[in-house]
Amino acid sequence: MRKLLLISAIGLIAGCETVAPVAGTGFNTPQYQAQREAQLAGQGVAGNPLLPPSEVSQQPLSAQGAATAIPPTTGDSAGDIANQTAAALASTSGQTVSSTTVAPSSNTGISDEQDFGAVSNRRSIESDAARIEQNRQTYEVVAPTAVPQRSQDGQPNIVQYALSTSNPVGTQLYSRAGFNLQAKAERNCAQYPSSDQAQIAFLSNGGPQRDRKGLDPDGDGFACSWDPSPFRSAVNN
């Protein structure tokens, strides 16, 4: 009886023992790794080759039920293009669209003056001649008049003064006496909105011989950096 119990215990212990995996099986074996590296390198594989991955279907999209675009041909009207677009959209959803003709809309805002057929239906050579004659009768010829003269408002004419001089800016022609003439001229010139206004004031108060307002410190006859060159160039050109 003791022998029978001992044999039974040994059998139970043997059934619970973990079975070690057989070396050289599975995906981490050296043989599998060598075959995989050989396939990646494009070399032949000895033994059973690895199973290839599933290939992408080479069938055209139209054979798999996808929509096939219908390219418009040259000269298709707007209605033809609309029908082709509707048919392409219907093929993706499996619906059937009846062919309908879309009439192009007429834009009344576009002129048809370049359409010979449309114009010839409305006009004729005689009507065009009558219209030209009517336009000639409404012509108005404007006779040229004399150029208006500048009004004499008592102020010096700086254009005439510029054309009467020939010395460059900065060339002294008139004597100036005093101290700090340049600093005084900068303060006095700041009172005028433009050099033209300063030149008029300079000429109205004894310039260019006298500089009562202190606007021409270098004695060239031009106040506050006023330049007569643009007026001279306009006459020469």
Protein backbone atom coordinates (compact mmCIF):
# COMPACT_ATOMS: atom_id res chain seq x y z
CA MET A 1 0.00 0.00 0.00
CA ARG A 2 2.86 2.36 0.85
CA LYS A 3 4.44 1.58 -2.51
CA LEU A 4 1.25 2.48 -4.31
CA LEU A 5 1.01 5.84 -2.55
CA LEU A 6 4.68 6.58 -3.28
CA ILE A 7 4.23 5.83 -6.97
CA SER A 8 1.16 8.09 -7.13
CA ALA A 9 3.01 10.99 -5.50
CA ILE A 10 5.92 10.67 -7.90
CA GLY A 11 3.46 10.75 -10.83
CA LEU A 12 1.81 13.94 -9.55
CA ILE A 13 5.17 15.68 -9.12
CA ALA A 14 6.21 14.74 -12.65
CA GLY A 15 2.93 16.17 -14.08
CA CYS A 16 3.53 19.55 -12.46
CA GLU A 17 7.07 19.92 -13.82
CA THR A 18 7.53 22.76 -16.36
CA VAL A 19 8.46 21.60 -19.84
CA ALA A 20 11.41 23.63 -21.20
CA PRO A 21 11.04 24.86 -24.80
CA VAL A 22 12.93 23.02 -27.42
CA ALA A 23 15.92 24.99 -28.57
CA GLY A 24 15.79 26.27 -32.13
CA THR A 25 12.03 26.92 -32.40
CA GLY A 26 10.02 30.15 -32.62
CA PHE A 27 10.84 33.60 -34.13
CA ASN A 28 13.90 34.35 -32.06
CA THR A 29 15.98 31.43 -33.26
CA PRO A 30 19.26 32.09 -35.06
CA GLN A 31 17.91 30.31 -38.14
CA TYR A 32 14.90 32.62 -38.36
CA GLN A 33 16.99 35.73 -37.88
CA ALA A 34 19.45 34.60 -40.56
CA GLN A 35 16.61 33.95 -43.04
CA ARG A 36 15.08 37.34 -42.31
CA GLU A 37 18.37 39.21 -42.79
CA ALA A 38 18.98 37.31 -46.06
CA GLN A 39 15.56 38.29 -47.44
CA LEU A 40 16.08 41.91 -46.52
CA ALA A 41 19.44 41.85 -48.30
CA GLY A 42 17.92 40.22 -51.40
CA GLN A 43 19.87 36.99 -51.04
CA GLY A 44 18.66 33.44 -51.46
CA VAL A 45 17.47 31.60 -48.36
CA ALA A 46 18.35 28.00 -47.65
CA GLY A 47 15.54 25.84 -46.32
CA ASN A 48 11.95 26.95 -46.00
CA PRO A 49 11.65 30.65 -46.89
CA LEU A 50 9.64 33.05 -44.76
CA LEU A 51 6.07 33.72 -45.70
CA PRO A 52 5.86 36.88 -47.91
CA PRO A 53 3.64 39.77 -46.74
CA SER A 54 0.24 40.24 -48.29
CA GLU A 55 0.53 41.98 -51.65
CA VAL A 56 -1.34 45.14 -52.52
CA SER A 57 -4.08 44.57 -55.02
CA GLN A 58 -3.03 45.60 -58.53
CA GLN A 59 -6.59 45.85 -59.82
CA PRO A 60 -7.69 49.27 -61.17
CA LEU A 61 -9.90 51.40 -58.98
CA SER A 62 -12.81 51.08 -61.42
CA ALA A 63 -12.83 47.28 -60.92
CA GLN A 64 -13.14 47.73 -57.12
CA GLY A 65 -16.24 49.89 -57.30
CA ALA A 66 -14.53 53.30 -57.03
CA ALA A 67 -15.76 56.24 -59.04
CA THR A 68 -14.11 56.86 -62.39
CA ALA A 69 -13.63 60.50 -63.33
CA ILE A 70 -14.99 61.47 -66.71
CA PRO A 71 -12.62 64.02 -68.23
CA PRO A 72 -14.41 66.77 -70.09
CA THR A 73 -13.59 67.03 -73.75
CA THR A 74 -12.80 70.20 -75.62
CA GLY A 75 -15.92 72.13 -76.51
CA ASP A 76 -18.14 70.68 -73.75
CA SER A 77 -20.82 73.09 -72.69
CA ALA A 78 -21.73 73.93 -69.11
CA GLY A 79 -24.65 71.51 -69.28
CA ASP A 80 -22.44 68.61 -70.43
CA ILE A 81 -19.96 69.21 -67.65
CA ALA A 82 -22.78 69.35 -65.09
CA ASN A 83 -24.21 66.04 -66.33
CA GLN A 84 -20.81 64.36 -66.24
CA THR A 85 -20.17 65.61 -62.71
CA ALA A 86 -23.55 64.34 -61.52
CA ALA A 87 -22.91 60.93 -63.10
CA ALA A 88 -19.50 60.67 -61.41
CA LEU A 89 -20.99 61.53 -58.01
CA ALA A 90 -23.82 59.07 -58.48
CA SER A 91 -21.40 56.22 -59.28
CA THR A 92 -19.77 56.59 -55.86
CA SER A 93 -23.09 56.22 -54.02
CA GLY A 94 -24.53 53.54 -56.31
CA GLN A 95 -27.45 55.72 -57.41
CA THR A 96 -28.71 56.25 -60.91
CA VAL A 97 -29.09 59.80 -62.11
CA SER A 98 -31.18 60.59 -65.10
CA SER A 99 -29.46 62.64 -67.76
CA THR A 100 -30.79 66.16 -67.74
CA THR A 101 -29.64 69.04 -69.86
CA VAL A 102 -28.69 72.18 -67.97
CA ALA A 103 -29.38 75.24 -70.07
CA PRO A 104 -26.68 77.88 -69.77
CA SER A 105 -27.91 81.05 -68.09
CA SER A 106 -27.98 84.16 -70.18
CA ASN A 107 -26.31 87.19 -68.64
CA THR A 108 -28.10 90.27 -69.85
CA GLY A 109 -25.40 92.51 -68.37
CA ILE A 110 -22.78 91.46 -70.95
CA SER A 111 -22.71 93.46 -74.15
CA ASP A 112 -23.05 91.64 -77.46
CA GLU A 113 -21.52 94.43 -79.52
CA GLN A 114 -18.78 92.04 -80.67
CA ASP A 115 -21.33 89.54 -81.98
CA PHE A 116 -21.82 90.38 -85.66
CA GLY A 117 -25.00 88.32 -85.92
CA ALA A 118 -26.65 90.01 -82.94
CA VAL A 119 -25.66 93.51 -84.05
CA SER A 120 -26.68 92.96 -87.67
CA ASN A 121 -30.20 92.09 -86.54
CA ARG A 122 -30.58 95.46 -84.84
CA ARG A 123 -28.61 97.81 -87.08
CA SER A 124 -27.87 98.48 -90.68
CA ILE A 125 -25.45 100.60 -92.68
CA GLU A 126 -28.11 103.26 -93.12
CA SER A 127 -28.90 103.44 -89.40
CA ASP A 128 -25.19 103.76 -88.56
CA ALA A 129 -24.79 106.59 -91.06
CA ALA A 130 -27.78 108.41 -89.57
CA ARG A 131 -26.38 108.05 -86.06
CA ILE A 132 -22.97 109.40 -87.12
CA GLU A 133 -24.63 112.40 -88.73
CA GLN A 134 -26.64 113.02 -85.57
CA ASN A 135 -23.48 112.94 -83.47
CA ARG A 136 -21.79 115.43 -85.80
CA GLN A 137 -24.63 117.87 -85.32
CA THR A 138 -24.14 117.80 -81.57
CA TYR A 139 -20.41 118.52 -81.77
CA GLU A 140 -19.36 121.73 -80.07
CA VAL A 141 -16.13 123.43 -81.10
CA VAL A 142 -14.51 125.41 -78.32
CA ALA A 143 -12.43 128.32 -79.59
CA PRO A 144 -9.11 128.86 -77.84
CA THR A 145 -8.80 131.91 -75.62
CA ALA A 146 -5.86 133.93 -74.42
CA VAL A 147 -3.90 132.71 -71.45
CA PRO A 148 -5.01 134.63 -68.34
CA GLN A 149 -2.51 137.11 -66.98
CA ARG A 150 -1.24 136.94 -63.45
CA SER A 151 -2.98 139.48 -61.26
CA GLN A 152 -0.83 142.23 -59.83
CA ASP A 153 -1.32 141.82 -56.10
CA GLY A 154 1.69 143.90 -55.12
CA GLN A 155 3.86 140.92 -54.17
CA PRO A 156 7.18 140.24 -55.89
CA ASN A 157 7.15 137.58 -58.59
CA ILE A 158 9.69 134.99 -57.50
CA VAL A 159 9.55 133.28 -60.93
CA GLN A 160 10.65 136.42 -62.70
CA TYR A 161 13.28 137.02 -60.04
CA ALA A 162 14.64 133.47 -60.47
CA LEU A 163 14.92 133.94 -64.23
CA SER A 164 16.64 137.29 -63.79
CA THR A 165 19.47 135.76 -61.75
CA SER A 166 22.24 133.39 -62.80
CA ASN A 167 24.45 132.97 -59.72
CA PRO A 168 24.44 129.57 -57.97
CA VAL A 169 23.03 129.17 -54.48
CA GLY A 170 25.63 130.13 -51.87
CA THR A 171 27.61 132.55 -54.06
CA GLN A 172 27.73 135.90 -52.25
CA LEU A 173 26.69 138.95 -54.26
CA TYR A 174 25.54 141.29 -51.51
CA SER A 175 27.26 142.33 -48.29
CA ARG A 176 25.80 141.31 -44.96
CA ALA A 177 26.92 142.78 -41.62
CA GLY A 178 26.34 141.46 -38.11
CA PHE A 179 27.11 138.64 -35.70
CA ASN A 180 25.67 135.13 -35.66
CA LEU A 181 23.85 135.76 -38.92
CA GLN A 182 23.31 132.06 -39.63
CA ALA A 183 21.73 131.35 -36.23
CA LYS A 184 19.47 134.39 -36.55
CA ALA A 185 18.43 133.33 -40.06
CA GLU A 186 17.46 129.85 -38.86
CA ARG A 187 15.17 131.33 -36.20
CA ASN A 188 13.64 133.84 -38.61
CA CYS A 189 13.10 131.26 -41.41
CA ALA A 190 11.16 129.02 -39.01
CA GLN A 191 8.37 131.62 -39.06
CA TYR A 192 7.50 130.89 -42.73
CA PRO A 193 5.65 127.79 -43.96
CA SER A 194 7.83 127.49 -47.08
CA SER A 195 10.96 128.89 -48.64
CA ASP A 196 8.82 130.51 -51.36
CA GLN A 197 6.96 132.54 -48.73
CA ALA A 198 10.27 133.51 -47.14
CA GLN A 199 11.68 134.63 -50.51
CA ILE A 200 8.59 136.80 -51.15
CA ALA A 201 8.97 138.41 -47.73
CA PHE A 202 12.70 138.91 -48.36
CA LEU A 203 12.09 140.67 -51.69
CA SER A 204 9.22 142.73 -50.23
CA ASN A 205 11.51 144.22 -47.57
CA GLY A 206 14.41 145.53 -49.64
CA GLY A 207 15.94 142.29 -50.90
CA PRO A 208 18.16 141.27 -52.37
CA GLN A 209 20.29 144.37 -51.67
CA ARG A 210 19.10 144.65 -48.07
CA ASP A 211 18.24 141.87 -45.62
CA ARG A 212 16.05 143.63 -43.06
CA LYS A 213 14.46 140.40 -41.79
CA GLY A 214 17.73 138.47 -41.54
CA LEU A 215 16.77 135.73 -44.04
CA ASP A 216 19.83 135.80 -46.33
CA PRO A 217 22.97 135.46 -44.16
CA ASP A 218 25.32 134.45 -47.01
CA GLY A 219 24.28 137.32 -49.28
CA ASP A 220 23.48 135.22 -52.37
CA GLY A 221 20.08 136.90 -52.79
CA PHE A 222 18.10 133.75 -51.87
CA ALA A 223 16.32 133.60 -48.51
CA CYS A 224 15.99 130.51 -46.31
CA SER A 225 17.69 128.11 -48.75
CA TRP A 226 15.31 129.10 -51.56
CA ASP A 227 16.54 127.57 -54.85
CA PRO A 228 15.82 129.19 -58.25
CA SER A 229 17.14 126.17 -60.21
CA PRO A 230 13.72 124.54 -60.90
CA PHE A 231 12.44 127.72 -62.56
CA ARG A 232 15.56 128.09 -64.65
CA SER A 233 15.42 124.44 -65.75
CA ALA A 234 11.78 124.75 -66.78
CA VAL A 235 12.61 127.58 -69.18
CA ASN A 236 15.70 125.88 -70.60
CA ASN A 237 13.84 122.65 -71.30
